[in-house]
Amino acid sequence: MTIHELRSYYYEDLSVGMKESIMKTVMDSDIVGFAEISGDANPIHLCDVYASKTRFGQRIAHGLYTASLISAILGTRLPGPGAVYLSQTLNFYAPVKIGDVVVVSVEVIELIDKGRRARLHCEAEVDGTKVLDGEAMVMVPKRPTE
């Protein structure tokens, strides 16, 4: 994501049904980097030999790596810079593997005037198969007065 892809909405700009998506090809370096940052060195993510003996047959991405792509949308596109993450629910359905192209989408499903909050449905898919979903709640800045 580049600085040119940043979008920012104020609370007053949002409406139910607004939606944003991103696509990300999961690379080995993403998984290794996420393991380093998070401290989650589970061999199912990092060791080909170990992972080949699991039910997945190969290394898989951390579930929270995939979920972190939701944060990328919230912080850069919808609502964008200035939004404050308040909560997130997640349901995991299928593994994400190296080389998978993950499509993550976020849709505004409710606007709550008190506290300028937006509730968003979040979903990630690989090849049309849902791999995770959930809901996020964010606080959105109001339009500055001039």
C-alpha atoms as a PDB file:
ATOM      1  CA  MET A   1       0.000   0.000   0.000  1.00  0.00           C
ATOM      2  CA  THR A   2       1.358   3.401  -0.913  1.00  0.00           C
ATOM      3  CA  ILE A   3       0.633   6.846   0.419  1.00  0.00           C
ATOM      4  CA  HIS A   4      -1.386   7.466  -2.764  1.00  0.00           C
ATOM      5  CA  GLU A   5      -3.845   4.759  -1.762  1.00  0.00           C
ATOM      6  CA  LEU A   6      -4.786   6.450   1.526  1.00  0.00           C
ATOM      7  CA  ARG A   7      -8.389   7.585   1.790  1.00  0.00           C
ATOM      8  CA  SER A   8      -9.929   9.312   4.731  1.00  0.00           C
ATOM      9  CA  TYR A   9     -13.560   9.709   5.645  1.00  0.00           C
ATOM     10  CA  TYR A  10     -15.033  11.752   8.435  1.00  0.00           C
ATOM     11  CA  TYR A  11     -17.989  10.312  10.317  1.00  0.00           C
ATOM     12  CA  GLU A  12     -20.328  12.616   8.382  1.00  0.00           C
ATOM     13  CA  ASP A  13     -19.079  11.137   5.072  1.00  0.00           C
ATOM     14  CA  LEU A  14     -19.957   7.540   5.952  1.00  0.00           C
ATOM     15  CA  SER A  15     -23.110   5.688   4.992  1.00  0.00           C
ATOM     16  CA  VAL A  16     -24.338   2.146   5.524  1.00  0.00           C
ATOM     17  CA  GLY A  17     -23.279  -0.023   2.600  1.00  0.00           C
ATOM     18  CA  MET A  18     -19.955   1.692   1.900  1.00  0.00           C
ATOM     19  CA  LYS A  19     -17.382  -0.993   1.142  1.00  0.00           C
ATOM     20  CA  GLU A  20     -13.651  -1.279   0.508  1.00  0.00           C
ATOM     21  CA  SER A  21     -11.474  -4.254  -0.424  1.00  0.00           C
ATOM     22  CA  ILE A  22      -7.815  -5.081  -0.844  1.00  0.00           C
ATOM     23  CA  MET A  23      -6.015  -8.026  -2.406  1.00  0.00           C
ATOM     24  CA  LYS A  24      -2.772  -9.410  -1.002  1.00  0.00           C
ATOM     25  CA  THR A  25      -0.648 -12.316  -2.186  1.00  0.00           C
ATOM     26  CA  VAL A  26       0.709 -14.046   0.917  1.00  0.00           C
ATOM     27  CA  MET A  27       4.474 -14.405   0.691  1.00  0.00           C
ATOM     28  CA  ASP A  28       6.885 -16.479   2.747  1.00  0.00           C
ATOM     29  CA  SER A  29       8.485 -13.223   3.897  1.00  0.00           C
ATOM     30  CA  ASP A  30       5.093 -12.026   5.232  1.00  0.00           C
ATOM     31  CA  ILE A  31       4.757 -15.128   7.402  1.00  0.00           C
ATOM     32  CA  VAL A  32       8.349 -14.999   8.641  1.00  0.00           C
ATOM     33  CA  GLY A  33       8.046 -11.270   9.357  1.00  0.00           C
ATOM     34  CA  PHE A  34       4.758 -11.708  11.214  1.00  0.00           C
ATOM     35  CA  ALA A  35       6.321 -14.490  13.313  1.00  0.00           C
ATOM     36  CA  GLU A  36       9.214 -12.204  14.211  1.00  0.00           C
ATOM     37  CA  ILE A  37       6.979  -9.281  15.137  1.00  0.00           C
ATOM     38  CA  SER A  38       4.371 -11.318  17.030  1.00  0.00           C
ATOM     39  CA  GLY A  39       6.690 -13.859  18.638  1.00  0.00           C
ATOM     40  CA  ASP A  40       4.468 -16.672  17.334  1.00  0.00           C
ATOM     41  CA  ALA A  41       7.057 -19.149  16.058  1.00  0.00           C
ATOM     42  CA  ASN A  42       4.651 -22.093  15.818  1.00  0.00           C
ATOM     43  CA  PRO A  43       6.342 -24.496  13.367  1.00  0.00           C
ATOM     44  CA  ILE A  44       3.095 -24.865  11.403  1.00  0.00           C
ATOM     45  CA  HIS A  45       3.912 -21.373  10.110  1.00  0.00           C
ATOM     46  CA  LEU A  46       7.683 -21.679   9.757  1.00  0.00           C
ATOM     47  CA  CYS A  47       8.823 -25.289   9.250  1.00  0.00           C
ATOM     48  CA  ASP A  48       8.075 -27.143   5.998  1.00  0.00           C
ATOM     49  CA  VAL A  49       8.883 -30.552   7.506  1.00  0.00           C
ATOM     50  CA  TYR A  50       6.669 -30.066  10.549  1.00  0.00           C
ATOM     51  CA  ALA A  51       3.817 -28.502   8.543  1.00  0.00           C
ATOM     52  CA  SER A  52       3.881 -31.315   5.955  1.00  0.00           C
ATOM     53  CA  LYS A  53       2.810 -33.735   8.699  1.00  0.00           C
ATOM     54  CA  THR A  54      -0.216 -31.659   9.760  1.00  0.00           C
ATOM     55  CA  ARG A  55      -3.737 -31.856   8.374  1.00  0.00           C
ATOM     56  CA  PHE A  56      -2.906 -28.858   6.161  1.00  0.00           C
ATOM     57  CA  GLY A  57       0.052 -30.608   4.491  1.00  0.00           C
ATOM     58  CA  GLN A  58       2.036 -27.404   4.262  1.00  0.00           C
ATOM     59  CA  ARG A  59       2.849 -24.190   6.099  1.00  0.00           C
ATOM     60  CA  ILE A  60      -0.029 -21.823   6.732  1.00  0.00           C
ATOM     61  CA  ALA A  61      -0.207 -18.131   7.542  1.00  0.00           C
ATOM     62  CA  HIS A  62      -1.001 -16.980  11.051  1.00  0.00           C
ATOM     63  CA  GLY A  63      -4.724 -16.333  11.418  1.00  0.00           C
ATOM     64  CA  LEU A  64      -3.986 -12.939  12.888  1.00  0.00           C
ATOM     65  CA  TYR A  65      -1.769 -12.095   9.917  1.00  0.00           C
ATOM     66  CA  THR A  66      -4.814 -12.511   7.695  1.00  0.00           C
ATOM     67  CA  ALA A  67      -6.912 -10.539  10.190  1.00  0.00           C
ATOM     68  CA  SER A  68      -4.304  -7.765  10.200  1.00  0.00           C
ATOM     69  CA  LEU A  69      -5.269  -7.035   6.605  1.00  0.00           C
ATOM     70  CA  ILE A  70      -8.601  -5.807   8.012  1.00  0.00           C
ATOM     71  CA  SER A  71      -6.631  -3.262  10.011  1.00  0.00           C
ATOM     72  CA  ALA A  72      -4.932  -2.161   6.794  1.00  0.00           C
ATOM     73  CA  ILE A  73      -8.306  -1.258   5.295  1.00  0.00           C
ATOM     74  CA  LEU A  74      -9.588   0.445   8.456  1.00  0.00           C
ATOM     75  CA  GLY A  75      -6.467   2.565   8.810  1.00  0.00           C
ATOM     76  CA  THR A  76      -5.944   3.493   5.177  1.00  0.00           C
ATOM     77  CA  ARG A  77      -9.213   3.286   3.241  1.00  0.00           C
ATOM     78  CA  LEU A  78     -12.447   2.898   5.220  1.00  0.00           C
ATOM     79  CA  PRO A  79     -12.770   4.925   7.368  1.00  0.00           C
ATOM     80  CA  GLY A  80      -9.050   5.664   6.907  1.00  0.00           C
ATOM     81  CA  PRO A  81      -6.494   7.747   8.793  1.00  0.00           C
ATOM     82  CA  GLY A  82      -7.808   8.974  12.134  1.00  0.00           C
ATOM     83  CA  ALA A  83     -10.079   5.987  12.750  1.00  0.00           C
ATOM     84  CA  VAL A  84      -9.534   4.328  16.120  1.00  0.00           C
ATOM     85  CA  TYR A  85     -10.036   0.565  16.409  1.00  0.00           C
ATOM     86  CA  LEU A  86     -12.300  -0.212  19.383  1.00  0.00           C
ATOM     87  CA  SER A  87     -13.068  -3.928  18.976  1.00  0.00           C
ATOM     88  CA  GLN A  88     -12.922  -6.859  16.579  1.00  0.00           C
ATOM     89  CA  THR A  89     -14.572 -10.265  16.477  1.00  0.00           C
ATOM     90  CA  LEU A  90     -13.093 -12.994  14.283  1.00  0.00           C
ATOM     91  CA  ASN A  91     -14.238 -16.382  13.038  1.00  0.00           C
ATOM     92  CA  PHE A  92     -11.714 -18.554  11.187  1.00  0.00           C
ATOM     93  CA  TYR A  93     -12.932 -21.049   8.576  1.00  0.00           C
ATOM     94  CA  ALA A  94     -10.009 -22.178   6.426  1.00  0.00           C
ATOM     95  CA  PRO A  95      -6.222 -21.867   6.277  1.00  0.00           C
ATOM     96  CA  VAL A  96      -4.342 -19.328   4.194  1.00  0.00           C
ATOM     97  CA  LYS A  97      -1.223 -20.690   2.501  1.00  0.00           C
ATOM     98  CA  ILE A  98       1.874 -19.190   0.943  1.00  0.00           C
ATOM     99  CA  GLY A  99       0.987 -17.975  -2.542  1.00  0.00           C
ATOM    100  CA  ASP A 100      -2.713 -17.546  -1.786  1.00  0.00           C
ATOM    101  CA  VAL A 101      -4.304 -14.309  -2.933  1.00  0.00           C
ATOM    102  CA  VAL A 102      -6.437 -13.042  -0.067  1.00  0.00           C
ATOM    103  CA  VAL A 103      -9.275 -10.636  -0.807  1.00  0.00           C
ATOM    104  CA  VAL A 104     -10.271  -8.745   2.317  1.00  0.00           C
ATOM    105  CA  SER A 105     -13.363  -6.560   2.420  1.00  0.00           C
ATOM    106  CA  VAL A 106     -14.909  -4.263   4.990  1.00  0.00           C
ATOM    107  CA  GLU A 107     -18.461  -2.892   4.792  1.00  0.00           C
ATOM    108  CA  VAL A 108     -20.180  -0.287   6.956  1.00  0.00           C
ATOM    109  CA  ILE A 109     -23.231  -1.992   8.481  1.00  0.00           C
ATOM    110  CA  GLU A 110     -24.202   0.485  11.210  1.00  0.00           C
ATOM    111  CA  LEU A 111     -23.461   4.072  12.169  1.00  0.00           C
ATOM    112  CA  ILE A 112     -23.873   5.127  15.787  1.00  0.00           C
ATOM    113  CA  ASP A 113     -23.978   8.899  16.242  1.00  0.00           C
ATOM    114  CA  LYS A 114     -23.117   8.757  19.937  1.00  0.00           C
ATOM    115  CA  GLY A 115     -19.328   8.613  20.006  1.00  0.00           C
ATOM    116  CA  ARG A 116     -19.139   8.644  16.173  1.00  0.00           C
ATOM    117  CA  ARG A 117     -18.853   4.892  15.903  1.00  0.00           C
ATOM    118  CA  ALA A 118     -19.064   2.696  12.848  1.00  0.00           C
ATOM    119  CA  ARG A 119     -19.741  -1.040  12.948  1.00  0.00           C
ATOM    120  CA  LEU A 120     -18.239  -2.895  10.003  1.00  0.00           C
ATOM    121  CA  HIS A 121     -18.614  -6.399   8.610  1.00  0.00           C
ATOM    122  CA  CYS A 122     -15.187  -7.832   7.778  1.00  0.00           C
ATOM    123  CA  GLU A 123     -14.450 -10.798   5.546  1.00  0.00           C
ATOM    124  CA  ALA A 124     -11.496 -12.493   3.859  1.00  0.00           C
ATOM    125  CA  GLU A 125     -11.667 -14.948   0.969  1.00  0.00           C
ATOM    126  CA  VAL A 126      -9.222 -17.068  -1.014  1.00  0.00           C
ATOM    127  CA  ASP A 127     -10.448 -18.244  -4.425  1.00  0.00           C
ATOM    128  CA  GLY A 128     -14.033 -17.437  -3.428  1.00  0.00           C
ATOM    129  CA  THR A 129     -13.823 -19.450  -0.190  1.00  0.00           C
ATOM    130  CA  LYS A 130     -14.417 -17.524   3.021  1.00  0.00           C
ATOM    131  CA  VAL A 131     -11.384 -17.933   5.298  1.00  0.00           C
ATOM    132  CA  LEU A 132     -12.474 -15.517   8.035  1.00  0.00           C
ATOM    133  CA  ASP A 133     -15.161 -13.056   8.962  1.00  0.00           C
ATOM    134  CA  GLY A 134     -16.168 -10.884  11.872  1.00  0.00           C
ATOM    135  CA  GLU A 135     -17.142  -7.398  12.918  1.00  0.00           C
ATOM    136  CA  ALA A 136     -15.103  -4.357  13.821  1.00  0.00           C
ATOM    137  CA  MET A 137     -16.127  -1.274  15.758  1.00  0.00           C
ATOM    138  CA  VAL A 138     -14.223   1.949  15.107  1.00  0.00           C
ATOM    139  CA  MET A 139     -14.451   5.527  16.301  1.00  0.00           C
ATOM    140  CA  VAL A 140     -14.330   7.951  13.393  1.00  0.00           C
ATOM    141  CA  PRO A 141     -13.200  11.576  13.581  1.00  0.00           C
ATOM    142  CA  LYS A 142     -15.751  14.293  12.940  1.00  0.00           C
ATOM    143  CA  ARG A 143     -15.294  16.867  10.236  1.00  0.00           C
ATOM    144  CA  PRO A 144     -13.288  19.779  11.647  1.00  0.00           C
ATOM    145  CA  THR A 145     -15.134  23.060  12.063  1.00  0.00           C
ATOM    146  CA  GLU A 146     -13.675  25.920  10.109  1.00  0.00           C
END
